[in-house]
Amino acid sequence: MGFIIKLLITGVAALAASYILPGVHIDTFLTAIILALVLALLNAVVRPILVILTIPVTVLTLGLFLLVINALIILLADYLIAGFEVSGFISALLFSIVMAIISAILDFIF
C-alpha cells in the first residue's frame, strides 16, 4: 500500500513540476503515474550502476554529480515514455530538483 501511495505522490509531484517548468510536458495524469513507475524502476536498476561507475567524479564534486545522474535518468525516462517530453539537459536537471522538492513536501504532508 505504501508503494502505491509513493507512486501517486511522485506522479502528482511530476505533474506539478511540469506545470512550473516550461521545458517539460506531461500529457495526462496517467502518464505522470507511468513516469513515476518508470522512474522507480530506473532508480532501482540503472542509478546504482551509474553511481558505482562515477564514484571518483562524485567524490571530486562533493556529491553534486548525483544531480547529473538524476538528470540522465529523467532523460532516459523521456526516451522511454511517449507522453513525457523534456526539452534538454538543463530542463531535466531543473525538473529533477523541483520534483524532488515537491515530492518531499507532499511526502511530509501525507
Protein backbone atom coordinates (compact mmCIF):
# COMPACT_ATOMS: atom_id res chain seq x y z
CA MET A 1 0.00 0.00 0.00
CA GLY A 2 2.85 2.36 0.80
CA PHE A 3 4.40 1.84 -2.64
CA ILE A 4 1.15 2.85 -4.36
CA ILE A 5 0.89 5.99 -2.23
CA LYS A 6 4.51 6.84 -3.01
CA LEU A 7 3.79 6.38 -6.75
CA LEU A 8 0.77 8.68 -6.50
CA ILE A 9 2.79 11.32 -4.63
CA THR A 10 5.58 11.11 -7.20
CA GLY A 11 3.06 11.34 -10.04
CA VAL A 12 1.45 14.45 -8.55
CA ALA A 13 4.92 15.95 -7.96
CA ALA A 14 5.91 15.26 -11.57
CA LEU A 15 2.70 16.81 -12.88
CA ALA A 16 3.14 19.87 -10.66
CA ALA A 17 6.78 20.25 -11.73
CA SER A 18 5.75 20.04 -15.39
CA TYR A 19 3.32 22.92 -14.85
CA ILE A 20 6.04 25.01 -13.21
CA LEU A 21 8.85 24.39 -15.71
CA PRO A 22 8.45 25.46 -19.35
CA GLY A 23 10.75 22.80 -20.85
CA VAL A 24 8.83 19.79 -19.51
CA HIS A 25 5.49 18.47 -20.75
CA ILE A 26 3.37 15.61 -19.39
CA ASP A 27 0.19 14.77 -21.31
CA THR A 28 -2.10 13.25 -18.65
CA PHE A 29 -2.15 12.18 -15.03
CA LEU A 30 -1.89 8.56 -16.18
CA THR A 31 1.34 9.47 -17.98
CA ALA A 32 2.60 11.02 -14.74
CA ILE A 33 1.84 7.77 -12.87
CA ILE A 34 3.61 5.76 -15.57
CA LEU A 35 6.52 8.20 -15.29
CA ALA A 36 6.64 7.62 -11.52
CA LEU A 37 6.70 3.85 -12.06
CA VAL A 38 9.42 4.06 -14.72
CA LEU A 39 11.48 6.41 -12.54
CA ALA A 40 11.16 3.96 -9.64
CA LEU A 41 12.40 1.13 -11.85
CA LEU A 42 15.25 3.20 -13.30
CA ASN A 43 16.28 4.39 -9.84
CA ALA A 44 16.31 0.78 -8.63
CA VAL A 45 18.24 -0.67 -11.58
CA VAL A 46 20.21 1.96 -13.51
CA ARG A 47 21.05 4.51 -10.81
CA PRO A 48 23.17 2.20 -8.62
CA ILE A 49 25.24 1.19 -11.64
CA LEU A 50 25.82 4.83 -12.61
CA VAL A 51 26.67 5.77 -9.03
CA ILE A 52 29.25 2.99 -8.75
CA LEU A 53 30.80 3.84 -12.12
CA THR A 54 31.09 7.54 -11.27
CA ILE A 55 32.35 7.35 -7.68
CA PRO A 56 35.58 9.29 -8.40
CA VAL A 57 33.72 12.15 -10.09
CA THR A 58 31.08 12.17 -7.35
CA VAL A 59 33.74 12.40 -4.64
CA LEU A 60 35.61 15.08 -6.57
CA THR A 61 32.45 17.21 -6.91
CA LEU A 62 31.38 16.54 -3.31
CA GLY A 63 28.24 14.70 -4.42
CA LEU A 64 26.96 17.27 -6.89
CA PHE A 65 27.46 14.83 -9.76
CA LEU A 66 24.47 12.89 -8.38
CA LEU A 67 22.31 15.71 -9.77
CA VAL A 68 23.72 14.93 -13.21
CA ILE A 69 22.86 11.25 -12.72
CA ASN A 70 19.29 12.25 -11.80
CA ALA A 71 19.04 14.38 -14.94
CA LEU A 72 20.31 11.48 -17.06
CA ILE A 73 17.66 9.21 -15.58
CA ILE A 74 14.99 11.82 -16.40
CA LEU A 75 16.28 11.97 -19.99
CA LEU A 76 16.19 8.18 -20.19
CA ALA A 77 12.59 8.23 -18.95
CA ASP A 78 11.84 10.85 -21.63
CA TYR A 79 13.14 8.39 -24.22
CA LEU A 80 11.04 5.53 -22.84
CA ILE A 81 7.66 7.24 -22.22
CA ALA A 82 5.58 8.58 -25.10
CA GLY A 83 3.58 11.31 -23.32
CA PHE A 84 6.54 12.76 -21.42
CA GLU A 85 8.82 15.31 -23.08
CA VAL A 86 11.88 17.15 -21.77
CA SER A 87 13.48 19.78 -23.99
CA GLY A 88 17.09 19.33 -22.84
CA PHE A 89 19.60 18.55 -20.14
CA ILE A 90 19.07 21.76 -18.17
CA SER A 91 15.30 21.21 -18.17
CA ALA A 92 15.84 17.64 -16.95
CA LEU A 93 18.16 18.88 -14.20
CA LEU A 94 15.69 21.52 -13.05
CA PHE A 95 12.82 19.05 -13.32
CA SER A 96 14.59 16.55 -11.07
CA ILE A 97 15.33 19.24 -8.47
CA VAL A 98 11.81 20.71 -8.49
CA MET A 99 10.19 17.28 -8.48
CA ALA A 100 12.33 16.20 -5.51
CA ILE A 101 11.34 19.31 -3.55
CA ILE A 102 7.62 18.93 -4.32
CA SER A 103 7.75 15.21 -3.58
CA ALA A 104 9.45 15.82 -0.23
CA ILE A 105 6.81 18.39 0.72
CA LEU A 106 3.95 16.08 -0.28
CA ASP A 107 5.61 13.14 1.47
CA PHE A 108 5.88 15.23 4.65
CA ILE A 109 2.20 16.20 4.43
CA PHE A 110 0.91 12.67 3.79
